[in-house]
């Protein structure tokens, strides 16, 4: 049986649309990251969209679409928004 752990990652960063537009948003974010051991020798884990929280530091409305989130502490995450529902691409 695989051991699964979760941890929360919060911070701030820059949100950039996946299509080059020149627009950037300063944001704060929070992800629930699920970590676990690889099963059956799998080296690549499948990905799935998982709910998260992203909000503009300056209260600007962020249009629906897909974005790259460049965290100030390091790392790049793929996120998308539809209405007020934010999700990030997480390894399953």
N, C-alpha and C. Protein backbone atom coordinates (compact mmCIF):
# COMPACT_ATOMS: atom_id res chain seq x y z
N UNK A 1 0.85 -1.18 0.00
CA UNK A 1 0.00 0.00 0.00
C UNK A 1 0.89 1.24 0.00
N UNK A 2 0.59 2.20 -0.84
CA UNK A 2 1.39 3.41 -0.97
C UNK A 2 1.07 4.39 0.15
N UNK A 3 2.09 5.04 0.62
CA UNK A 3 1.92 6.05 1.65
C UNK A 3 1.69 7.39 0.96
N UNK A 4 0.58 8.04 1.28
CA UNK A 4 0.23 9.31 0.67
C UNK A 4 0.24 10.39 1.75
N UNK A 5 0.90 11.50 1.46
CA UNK A 5 0.94 12.63 2.37
C UNK A 5 0.49 13.87 1.62
N UNK A 6 0.00 14.84 2.36
CA UNK A 6 -0.39 16.12 1.77
C UNK A 6 0.34 17.23 2.49
N UNK A 7 0.59 18.28 1.75
CA UNK A 7 1.16 19.48 2.35
C UNK A 7 0.58 20.68 1.63
N UNK A 8 0.56 21.80 2.31
CA UNK A 8 0.02 23.02 1.75
C UNK A 8 1.17 23.92 1.32
N UNK A 9 1.06 24.45 0.13
CA UNK A 9 2.06 25.41 -0.34
C UNK A 9 1.33 26.72 -0.59
N UNK A 10 1.77 27.76 0.11
CA UNK A 10 1.20 29.09 -0.08
C UNK A 10 2.32 30.05 -0.41
N UNK A 11 1.97 31.14 -1.03
CA UNK A 11 2.98 32.13 -1.36
C UNK A 11 2.43 33.16 -2.33
N UNK A 12 3.35 33.84 -2.97
CA UNK A 12 2.97 34.84 -3.95
C UNK A 12 3.81 34.63 -5.20
N UNK A 13 3.37 35.25 -6.28
CA UNK A 13 4.09 35.09 -7.53
C UNK A 13 3.48 35.91 -8.65
N UNK A 14 3.87 35.56 -9.86
CA UNK A 14 3.41 36.27 -11.05
C UNK A 14 2.63 35.28 -11.92
N UNK A 15 1.44 35.69 -12.32
CA UNK A 15 0.58 34.89 -13.17
C UNK A 15 0.69 35.42 -14.60
N UNK A 16 1.04 34.54 -15.54
CA UNK A 16 1.25 34.92 -16.94
C UNK A 16 0.37 34.03 -17.82
N UNK A 17 -0.41 34.61 -18.75
CA UNK A 17 -1.22 33.77 -19.64
C UNK A 17 -0.36 32.81 -20.46
N UNK A 18 -0.91 31.62 -20.78
CA UNK A 18 -0.16 30.64 -21.56
C UNK A 18 0.09 31.16 -22.98
N UNK A 19 -0.78 32.01 -23.47
CA UNK A 19 -0.56 32.65 -24.77
C UNK A 19 0.08 34.00 -24.54
N UNK A 20 1.14 34.32 -25.29
CA UNK A 20 1.86 35.58 -25.04
C UNK A 20 0.98 36.81 -25.29
N UNK A 21 0.73 37.57 -24.22
CA UNK A 21 -0.08 38.78 -24.33
C UNK A 21 0.64 39.99 -23.74
N UNK A 22 1.69 39.75 -22.95
CA UNK A 22 2.38 40.86 -22.28
C UNK A 22 1.74 41.24 -20.96
N UNK A 23 0.64 40.58 -20.59
CA UNK A 23 -0.07 40.89 -19.35
C UNK A 23 0.49 40.00 -18.24
N UNK A 24 0.65 40.59 -17.04
CA UNK A 24 1.12 39.85 -15.87
C UNK A 24 0.30 40.30 -14.67
N UNK A 25 0.03 39.37 -13.78
CA UNK A 25 -0.73 39.68 -12.57
C UNK A 25 0.07 39.23 -11.35
N UNK A 26 0.19 40.11 -10.34
CA UNK A 26 0.76 39.71 -9.06
C UNK A 26 -0.34 39.03 -8.27
N UNK A 27 -0.06 37.83 -7.75
CA UNK A 27 -1.09 37.05 -7.07
C UNK A 27 -0.55 36.41 -5.80
N UNK A 28 -1.48 36.00 -4.95
CA UNK A 28 -1.21 35.13 -3.81
C UNK A 28 -1.91 33.82 -4.12
N UNK A 29 -1.30 32.69 -3.68
CA UNK A 29 -1.87 31.39 -4.02
C UNK A 29 -1.77 30.42 -2.86
N UNK A 30 -2.56 29.37 -2.95
CA UNK A 30 -2.54 28.28 -1.98
C UNK A 30 -2.89 26.97 -2.68
N UNK A 31 -2.00 25.99 -2.59
CA UNK A 31 -2.20 24.68 -3.20
C UNK A 31 -2.17 23.61 -2.12
N UNK A 32 -3.00 22.59 -2.26
CA UNK A 32 -2.93 21.39 -1.43
C UNK A 32 -2.19 20.36 -2.28
N UNK A 33 -0.94 20.07 -1.95
CA UNK A 33 -0.11 19.18 -2.75
C UNK A 33 -0.16 17.79 -2.15
N UNK A 34 -0.53 16.81 -2.99
CA UNK A 34 -0.61 15.41 -2.57
C UNK A 34 0.64 14.70 -3.05
N UNK A 35 1.35 14.09 -2.11
CA UNK A 35 2.57 13.37 -2.44
C UNK A 35 2.40 11.91 -2.05
N UNK A 36 2.95 11.03 -2.84
CA UNK A 36 2.86 9.61 -2.53
C UNK A 36 3.96 8.85 -3.24
N UNK A 37 4.13 7.61 -2.84
CA UNK A 37 5.14 6.77 -3.47
C UNK A 37 4.63 6.30 -4.82
N UNK A 38 5.54 6.10 -5.77
CA UNK A 38 5.16 5.56 -7.07
C UNK A 38 4.74 4.11 -6.91
N UNK A 39 3.68 3.75 -7.59
CA UNK A 39 3.19 2.38 -7.54
C UNK A 39 3.71 1.58 -8.72
N UNK A 40 4.06 0.32 -8.49
CA UNK A 40 4.41 -0.62 -9.55
C UNK A 40 5.52 -0.12 -10.45
N UNK A 41 6.47 0.62 -9.92
CA UNK A 41 7.62 1.05 -10.69
C UNK A 41 7.33 2.12 -11.73
N UNK A 42 6.21 2.79 -11.63
CA UNK A 42 5.89 3.84 -12.59
C UNK A 42 6.81 5.02 -12.35
N UNK A 43 7.43 5.51 -13.40
CA UNK A 43 8.35 6.63 -13.25
C UNK A 43 7.67 7.97 -13.50
N UNK A 44 6.60 7.99 -14.28
CA UNK A 44 5.88 9.22 -14.56
C UNK A 44 4.47 9.08 -14.02
N UNK A 45 4.09 10.01 -13.15
CA UNK A 45 2.75 9.95 -12.58
C UNK A 45 1.78 10.72 -13.46
N UNK A 46 0.55 10.22 -13.63
CA UNK A 46 -0.42 10.94 -14.45
C UNK A 46 -0.79 12.26 -13.79
N UNK A 47 -1.28 13.19 -14.58
CA UNK A 47 -1.66 14.51 -14.08
C UNK A 47 -3.17 14.65 -14.03
N UNK A 48 -3.63 15.52 -13.14
CA UNK A 48 -5.06 15.82 -13.05
C UNK A 48 -5.20 17.25 -12.52
N UNK A 49 -6.33 17.87 -12.84
CA UNK A 49 -6.60 19.22 -12.36
C UNK A 49 -7.16 19.13 -10.94
N UNK A 50 -6.60 19.94 -10.04
CA UNK A 50 -6.98 19.94 -8.62
C UNK A 50 -7.32 21.37 -8.20
N UNK A 51 -8.34 21.53 -7.39
CA UNK A 51 -8.75 22.87 -6.93
C UNK A 51 -7.64 23.55 -6.14
N UNK A 52 -7.58 24.86 -6.27
CA UNK A 52 -6.61 25.67 -5.53
C UNK A 52 -7.19 27.06 -5.34
N UNK A 53 -6.43 27.91 -4.68
CA UNK A 53 -6.85 29.29 -4.46
C UNK A 53 -5.81 30.22 -5.06
N UNK A 54 -6.28 31.16 -5.87
CA UNK A 54 -5.42 32.20 -6.45
C UNK A 54 -6.21 33.49 -6.39
N UNK A 55 -5.56 34.58 -5.93
CA UNK A 55 -6.24 35.87 -5.93
C UNK A 55 -5.23 36.97 -6.22
N UNK A 56 -5.72 37.99 -6.87
CA UNK A 56 -4.90 39.12 -7.26
C UNK A 56 -4.50 39.92 -6.01
N UNK A 57 -3.23 40.33 -5.95
CA UNK A 57 -2.77 41.16 -4.83
C UNK A 57 -3.37 42.56 -4.90
N UNK A 58 -3.77 42.98 -6.10
CA UNK A 58 -4.28 44.35 -6.28
C UNK A 58 -5.77 44.37 -6.56
N UNK A 59 -6.47 43.27 -6.33
CA UNK A 59 -7.92 43.14 -6.50
C UNK A 59 -8.36 43.30 -7.95
N UNK A 60 -7.47 43.09 -8.91
CA UNK A 60 -7.86 43.10 -10.32
C UNK A 60 -8.61 41.81 -10.64
N UNK A 61 -9.57 41.91 -11.54
CA UNK A 61 -10.25 40.70 -12.02
C UNK A 61 -9.33 40.02 -13.02
N UNK A 62 -9.19 38.72 -12.88
CA UNK A 62 -8.34 37.94 -13.79
C UNK A 62 -9.28 37.18 -14.74
N UNK A 63 -9.13 37.41 -16.05
CA UNK A 63 -10.03 36.76 -17.02
C UNK A 63 -9.90 35.24 -17.02
N UNK A 64 -10.99 34.56 -17.39
CA UNK A 64 -10.97 33.11 -17.53
C UNK A 64 -9.90 32.70 -18.52
N UNK A 65 -9.25 31.57 -18.26
CA UNK A 65 -8.23 31.06 -19.17
C UNK A 65 -7.20 30.23 -18.44
N UNK A 66 -6.13 29.90 -19.18
CA UNK A 66 -5.03 29.11 -18.62
C UNK A 66 -3.81 30.00 -18.46
N UNK A 67 -3.05 29.74 -17.37
CA UNK A 67 -1.92 30.58 -17.00
C UNK A 67 -0.76 29.74 -16.48
N UNK A 68 0.42 30.36 -16.47
CA UNK A 68 1.56 29.81 -15.75
C UNK A 68 1.76 30.69 -14.53
N UNK A 69 1.90 30.05 -13.37
CA UNK A 69 2.15 30.76 -12.12
C UNK A 69 3.61 30.58 -11.76
N UNK A 70 4.37 31.68 -11.78
CA UNK A 70 5.78 31.66 -11.42
C UNK A 70 5.88 32.09 -9.96
N UNK A 71 6.10 31.13 -9.07
CA UNK A 71 6.16 31.40 -7.63
C UNK A 71 7.44 32.14 -7.28
N UNK A 72 7.34 33.12 -6.39
CA UNK A 72 8.52 33.88 -5.94
C UNK A 72 9.54 32.97 -5.27
N UNK A 73 9.09 31.91 -4.60
CA UNK A 73 9.97 31.00 -3.88
C UNK A 73 10.57 29.93 -4.80
N UNK A 74 10.19 29.97 -6.07
CA UNK A 74 10.70 29.00 -7.04
C UNK A 74 9.61 28.04 -7.47
N UNK A 75 9.66 27.65 -8.70
CA UNK A 75 8.69 26.72 -9.25
C UNK A 75 7.71 27.40 -10.18
N UNK A 76 7.24 26.64 -11.15
CA UNK A 76 6.24 27.12 -12.10
C UNK A 76 5.10 26.11 -12.11
N UNK A 77 3.87 26.61 -12.02
CA UNK A 77 2.69 25.77 -11.99
C UNK A 77 1.75 26.18 -13.11
N UNK A 78 1.05 25.21 -13.68
CA UNK A 78 0.04 25.51 -14.68
C UNK A 78 -1.29 25.58 -13.97
N UNK A 79 -2.00 26.71 -14.13
CA UNK A 79 -3.28 26.92 -13.48
C UNK A 79 -4.30 27.38 -14.51
N UNK A 80 -5.58 27.20 -14.16
CA UNK A 80 -6.64 27.71 -15.02
C UNK A 80 -7.78 28.20 -14.15
N UNK A 81 -8.56 29.12 -14.70
CA UNK A 81 -9.70 29.68 -13.99
C UNK A 81 -10.91 29.68 -14.92
N UNK A 82 -12.05 29.35 -14.32
CA UNK A 82 -13.32 29.43 -15.01
C UNK A 82 -14.30 30.01 -14.01
N UNK A 83 -14.68 31.25 -14.20
CA UNK A 83 -15.51 31.94 -13.21
C UNK A 83 -14.66 32.24 -11.99
N UNK A 84 -15.05 31.71 -10.84
CA UNK A 84 -14.26 31.86 -9.61
C UNK A 84 -13.59 30.57 -9.21
N UNK A 85 -13.61 29.57 -10.09
CA UNK A 85 -13.06 28.26 -9.79
C UNK A 85 -11.64 28.13 -10.35
N UNK A 86 -10.65 28.06 -9.45
CA UNK A 86 -9.26 27.91 -9.84
C UNK A 86 -8.83 26.47 -9.68
N UNK A 87 -7.98 25.99 -10.61
CA UNK A 87 -7.42 24.66 -10.54
C UNK A 87 -5.97 24.70 -11.00
N UNK A 88 -5.15 23.78 -10.45
CA UNK A 88 -3.78 23.65 -10.93
C UNK A 88 -3.55 22.22 -11.37
N UNK A 89 -2.58 22.05 -12.27
CA UNK A 89 -2.28 20.73 -12.81
C UNK A 89 -1.35 20.02 -11.85
N UNK A 90 -1.87 18.98 -11.21
CA UNK A 90 -1.11 18.25 -10.18
C UNK A 90 -0.84 16.83 -10.63
N UNK A 91 0.27 16.29 -10.17
CA UNK A 91 0.55 14.86 -10.42
C UNK A 91 -0.39 14.06 -9.54
N UNK A 92 -1.03 13.06 -10.13
CA UNK A 92 -2.00 12.24 -9.39
C UNK A 92 -1.31 11.22 -8.53
